[in-house]
């Protein structure tokens, strides 16, 4: 199935965004690190949608759509369904911070503000990307 292949490719892309986030944080570029965290989680969630062979919304506001698809798809519901509300809540929280990180110069946020956000979401984003990967490919060792 083409959509399953796209879902796996999307997870690999999400993992690269996650790696980029870590690299940016190591350099002190916390605005870029936060932006990359959000992209990582967004793409991982879109991978779930691909794996269910559903249409991908052309928007960043995908939380409700992902929750509906996971609840309706037997395989996804079994693997991630019990955590999907928490996952979507975390994504929605991080998503609202993406614009702040992308336009740090306009929002008058500081790199210190971004560091705190990064530290709050980095571990959870990595966990969610891994959870999405396992939901798409349950046989994969993470």
C-alpha atoms as a PDB file:
ATOM      1  CA  UNK A   1       0.000   0.000   0.000  1.00  0.00           C
ATOM      2  CA  UNK A   2       1.356   3.348  -1.027  1.00  0.00           C
ATOM      3  CA  UNK A   3      -0.018   5.185   2.008  1.00  0.00           C
ATOM      4  CA  UNK A   4       1.811   2.845   4.427  1.00  0.00           C
ATOM      5  CA  UNK A   5       5.066   3.587   2.616  1.00  0.00           C
ATOM      6  CA  UNK A   6       4.369   7.316   2.782  1.00  0.00           C
ATOM      7  CA  UNK A   7       3.580   6.964   6.494  1.00  0.00           C
ATOM      8  CA  UNK A   8       6.949   5.298   7.121  1.00  0.00           C
ATOM      9  CA  UNK A   9       8.724   7.977   5.074  1.00  0.00           C
ATOM     10  CA  UNK A  10       6.904  10.650   7.076  1.00  0.00           C
ATOM     11  CA  UNK A  11       8.085   9.090  10.350  1.00  0.00           C
ATOM     12  CA  UNK A  12      11.673   9.153   9.096  1.00  0.00           C
ATOM     13  CA  UNK A  13      11.192  12.825   8.211  1.00  0.00           C
ATOM     14  CA  UNK A  14       9.746  13.499  11.672  1.00  0.00           C
ATOM     15  CA  UNK A  15      12.812  11.867  13.221  1.00  0.00           C
ATOM     16  CA  UNK A  16      15.091  14.121  11.155  1.00  0.00           C
ATOM     17  CA  UNK A  17      13.184  17.198  12.397  1.00  0.00           C
ATOM     18  CA  UNK A  18      13.607  15.857  15.933  1.00  0.00           C
ATOM     19  CA  UNK A  19      17.342  15.444  15.363  1.00  0.00           C
ATOM     20  CA  UNK A  20      17.499  18.964  13.954  1.00  0.00           C
ATOM     21  CA  UNK A  21      15.774  20.204  17.084  1.00  0.00           C
ATOM     22  CA  UNK A  22      18.410  18.600  19.309  1.00  0.00           C
ATOM     23  CA  UNK A  23      21.257  19.960  17.182  1.00  0.00           C
ATOM     24  CA  UNK A  24      19.803  23.465  17.303  1.00  0.00           C
ATOM     25  CA  UNK A  25      19.352  23.259  21.072  1.00  0.00           C
ATOM     26  CA  UNK A  26      22.984  22.206  21.475  1.00  0.00           C
ATOM     27  CA  UNK A  27      23.983  25.366  19.584  1.00  0.00           C
ATOM     28  CA  UNK A  28      21.698  27.556  21.703  1.00  0.00           C
ATOM     29  CA  UNK A  29      19.303  28.162  18.809  1.00  0.00           C
ATOM     30  CA  UNK A  30      16.257  27.442  20.943  1.00  0.00           C
ATOM     31  CA  UNK A  31      13.838  29.267  18.657  1.00  0.00           C
ATOM     32  CA  UNK A  32      14.781  26.908  15.834  1.00  0.00           C
ATOM     33  CA  UNK A  33      14.758  23.956  18.228  1.00  0.00           C
ATOM     34  CA  UNK A  34      11.157  24.656  19.276  1.00  0.00           C
ATOM     35  CA  UNK A  35      10.089  25.168  15.660  1.00  0.00           C
ATOM     36  CA  UNK A  36      11.673  21.824  14.754  1.00  0.00           C
ATOM     37  CA  UNK A  37       9.961  20.063  17.667  1.00  0.00           C
ATOM     38  CA  UNK A  38       6.572  21.192  16.422  1.00  0.00           C
ATOM     39  CA  UNK A  39       7.364  20.130  12.857  1.00  0.00           C
ATOM     40  CA  UNK A  40       8.527  16.741  14.110  1.00  0.00           C
ATOM     41  CA  UNK A  41       5.330  16.096  16.022  1.00  0.00           C
ATOM     42  CA  UNK A  42       3.094  17.440  13.263  1.00  0.00           C
ATOM     43  CA  UNK A  43       4.666  15.180  10.654  1.00  0.00           C
ATOM     44  CA  UNK A  44       4.517  12.155  12.984  1.00  0.00           C
ATOM     45  CA  UNK A  45       0.798  12.766  13.520  1.00  0.00           C
ATOM     46  CA  UNK A  46       0.253  13.179   9.787  1.00  0.00           C
ATOM     47  CA  UNK A  47       2.009   9.824   9.359  1.00  0.00           C
ATOM     48  CA  UNK A  48      -0.773   8.285  11.455  1.00  0.00           C
ATOM     49  CA  UNK A  49      -3.300   9.785   9.074  1.00  0.00           C
ATOM     50  CA  UNK A  50      -1.415   8.391   6.067  1.00  0.00           C
ATOM     51  CA  UNK A  51      -1.246   4.957   7.679  1.00  0.00           C
ATOM     52  CA  UNK A  52      -5.035   4.969   8.029  1.00  0.00           C
ATOM     53  CA  UNK A  53      -5.261   5.898   4.338  1.00  0.00           C
ATOM     54  CA  UNK A  54      -7.145   9.065   5.178  1.00  0.00           C
ATOM     55  CA  UNK A  55      -6.834  12.499   3.625  1.00  0.00           C
ATOM     56  CA  UNK A  56      -4.197  14.763   5.103  1.00  0.00           C
ATOM     57  CA  UNK A  57      -5.489  18.186   6.034  1.00  0.00           C
ATOM     58  CA  UNK A  58      -3.512  20.994   4.387  1.00  0.00           C
ATOM     59  CA  UNK A  59      -3.209  22.834   7.656  1.00  0.00           C
ATOM     60  CA  UNK A  60      -1.139  22.795  10.802  1.00  0.00           C
ATOM     61  CA  UNK A  61      -4.285  22.430  12.950  1.00  0.00           C
ATOM     62  CA  UNK A  62      -4.613  18.676  12.633  1.00  0.00           C
ATOM     63  CA  UNK A  63      -5.283  17.580  16.215  1.00  0.00           C
ATOM     64  CA  UNK A  64      -9.020  16.941  15.961  1.00  0.00           C
ATOM     65  CA  UNK A  65      -8.662  15.147  12.620  1.00  0.00           C
ATOM     66  CA  UNK A  66      -5.923  12.878  13.975  1.00  0.00           C
ATOM     67  CA  UNK A  67      -7.965  12.053  17.088  1.00  0.00           C
ATOM     68  CA  UNK A  68     -10.989  11.101  14.965  1.00  0.00           C
ATOM     69  CA  UNK A  69      -8.927   8.932  12.609  1.00  0.00           C
ATOM     70  CA  UNK A  70      -7.137   7.116  15.427  1.00  0.00           C
ATOM     71  CA  UNK A  71     -10.429   6.359  17.151  1.00  0.00           C
ATOM     72  CA  UNK A  72     -11.955   5.018  13.909  1.00  0.00           C
ATOM     73  CA  UNK A  73      -8.973   2.923  12.775  1.00  0.00           C
ATOM     74  CA  UNK A  74      -8.892  -0.424  14.598  1.00  0.00           C
ATOM     75  CA  UNK A  75      -5.112  -0.871  14.430  1.00  0.00           C
ATOM     76  CA  UNK A  76      -4.265   2.685  15.429  1.00  0.00           C
ATOM     77  CA  UNK A  77      -6.900   2.666  18.166  1.00  0.00           C
ATOM     78  CA  UNK A  78      -5.394  -0.500  19.607  1.00  0.00           C
ATOM     79  CA  UNK A  79      -1.842   0.847  19.611  1.00  0.00           C
ATOM     80  CA  UNK A  80      -2.241   4.547  20.472  1.00  0.00           C
ATOM     81  CA  UNK A  81      -5.929   5.109  21.153  1.00  0.00           C
ATOM     82  CA  UNK A  82      -5.607   5.247  24.931  1.00  0.00           C
ATOM     83  CA  UNK A  83      -3.082   8.054  24.669  1.00  0.00           C
ATOM     84  CA  UNK A  84      -4.420  10.026  21.727  1.00  0.00           C
ATOM     85  CA  UNK A  85      -6.111  12.761  23.780  1.00  0.00           C
ATOM     86  CA  UNK A  86      -2.878  13.454  25.667  1.00  0.00           C
ATOM     87  CA  UNK A  87      -0.890  13.353  22.412  1.00  0.00           C
ATOM     88  CA  UNK A  88      -3.220  15.820  20.691  1.00  0.00           C
ATOM     89  CA  UNK A  89      -3.266  18.093  23.735  1.00  0.00           C
ATOM     90  CA  UNK A  90       0.549  18.167  23.729  1.00  0.00           C
ATOM     91  CA  UNK A  91       0.594  18.812  19.992  1.00  0.00           C
ATOM     92  CA  UNK A  92      -1.936  21.640  20.263  1.00  0.00           C
ATOM     93  CA  UNK A  93       0.091  23.249  23.060  1.00  0.00           C
ATOM     94  CA  UNK A  94       3.314  23.012  21.076  1.00  0.00           C
ATOM     95  CA  UNK A  95       1.610  24.136  17.890  1.00  0.00           C
ATOM     96  CA  UNK A  96       0.566  27.438  19.433  1.00  0.00           C
ATOM     97  CA  UNK A  97       4.210  28.035  20.362  1.00  0.00           C
ATOM     98  CA  UNK A  98       5.470  27.411  16.833  1.00  0.00           C
ATOM     99  CA  UNK A  99       4.526  30.883  15.620  1.00  0.00           C
ATOM    100  CA  UNK A 100       6.230  32.439  18.631  1.00  0.00           C
ATOM    101  CA  UNK A 101       9.440  30.560  17.858  1.00  0.00           C
ATOM    102  CA  UNK A 102       9.217  31.333  14.155  1.00  0.00           C
ATOM    103  CA  UNK A 103       8.726  35.044  14.760  1.00  0.00           C
ATOM    104  CA  UNK A 104      10.741  35.510  17.949  1.00  0.00           C
ATOM    105  CA  UNK A 105      11.812  38.973  16.786  1.00  0.00           C
ATOM    106  CA  UNK A 106       8.177  40.132  16.575  1.00  0.00           C
ATOM    107  CA  UNK A 107       6.907  38.539  19.756  1.00  0.00           C
ATOM    108  CA  UNK A 108       9.756  39.908  21.858  1.00  0.00           C
ATOM    109  CA  UNK A 109      10.330  36.436  23.237  1.00  0.00           C
ATOM    110  CA  UNK A 110      13.877  35.602  24.218  1.00  0.00           C
ATOM    111  CA  UNK A 111      16.092  32.621  23.586  1.00  0.00           C
ATOM    112  CA  UNK A 112      15.782  31.931  27.307  1.00  0.00           C
ATOM    113  CA  UNK A 113      11.992  31.743  26.878  1.00  0.00           C
ATOM    114  CA  UNK A 114      12.522  29.347  23.980  1.00  0.00           C
ATOM    115  CA  UNK A 115      14.970  27.246  26.033  1.00  0.00           C
ATOM    116  CA  UNK A 116      12.315  26.731  28.702  1.00  0.00           C
ATOM    117  CA  UNK A 117       9.760  25.710  26.078  1.00  0.00           C
ATOM    118  CA  UNK A 118      12.257  23.363  24.443  1.00  0.00           C
ATOM    119  CA  UNK A 119      13.069  21.719  27.765  1.00  0.00           C
ATOM    120  CA  UNK A 120       9.378  21.327  28.525  1.00  0.00           C
ATOM    121  CA  UNK A 121       8.533  19.617  25.210  1.00  0.00           C
ATOM    122  CA  UNK A 122      11.685  17.884  23.898  1.00  0.00           C
ATOM    123  CA  UNK A 123      11.387  14.585  25.761  1.00  0.00           C
ATOM    124  CA  UNK A 124       7.630  14.346  25.225  1.00  0.00           C
ATOM    125  CA  UNK A 125       7.970  15.067  21.503  1.00  0.00           C
ATOM    126  CA  UNK A 126      10.536  12.275  21.163  1.00  0.00           C
ATOM    127  CA  UNK A 127       8.205   9.915  23.023  1.00  0.00           C
ATOM    128  CA  UNK A 128       5.263  10.824  20.785  1.00  0.00           C
ATOM    129  CA  UNK A 129       7.271  10.398  17.578  1.00  0.00           C
ATOM    130  CA  UNK A 130       8.314   6.944  18.828  1.00  0.00           C
ATOM    131  CA  UNK A 131       4.724   6.138  19.745  1.00  0.00           C
ATOM    132  CA  UNK A 132       3.552   7.114  16.260  1.00  0.00           C
ATOM    133  CA  UNK A 133       6.314   5.041  14.675  1.00  0.00           C
ATOM    134  CA  UNK A 134       5.316   2.003  16.735  1.00  0.00           C
ATOM    135  CA  UNK A 135       1.636   2.513  15.857  1.00  0.00           C
ATOM    136  CA  UNK A 136       2.464   2.554  12.150  1.00  0.00           C
ATOM    137  CA  UNK A 137       4.900  -0.352  12.269  1.00  0.00           C
ATOM    138  CA  UNK A 138       4.228  -2.451  15.386  1.00  0.00           C
ATOM    139  CA  UNK A 139       7.009  -4.918  14.508  1.00  0.00           C
ATOM    140  CA  UNK A 140       9.671  -2.199  14.433  1.00  0.00           C
ATOM    141  CA  UNK A 141      12.015  -2.111  17.398  1.00  0.00           C
ATOM    142  CA  UNK A 142      12.283   1.460  18.643  1.00  0.00           C
END
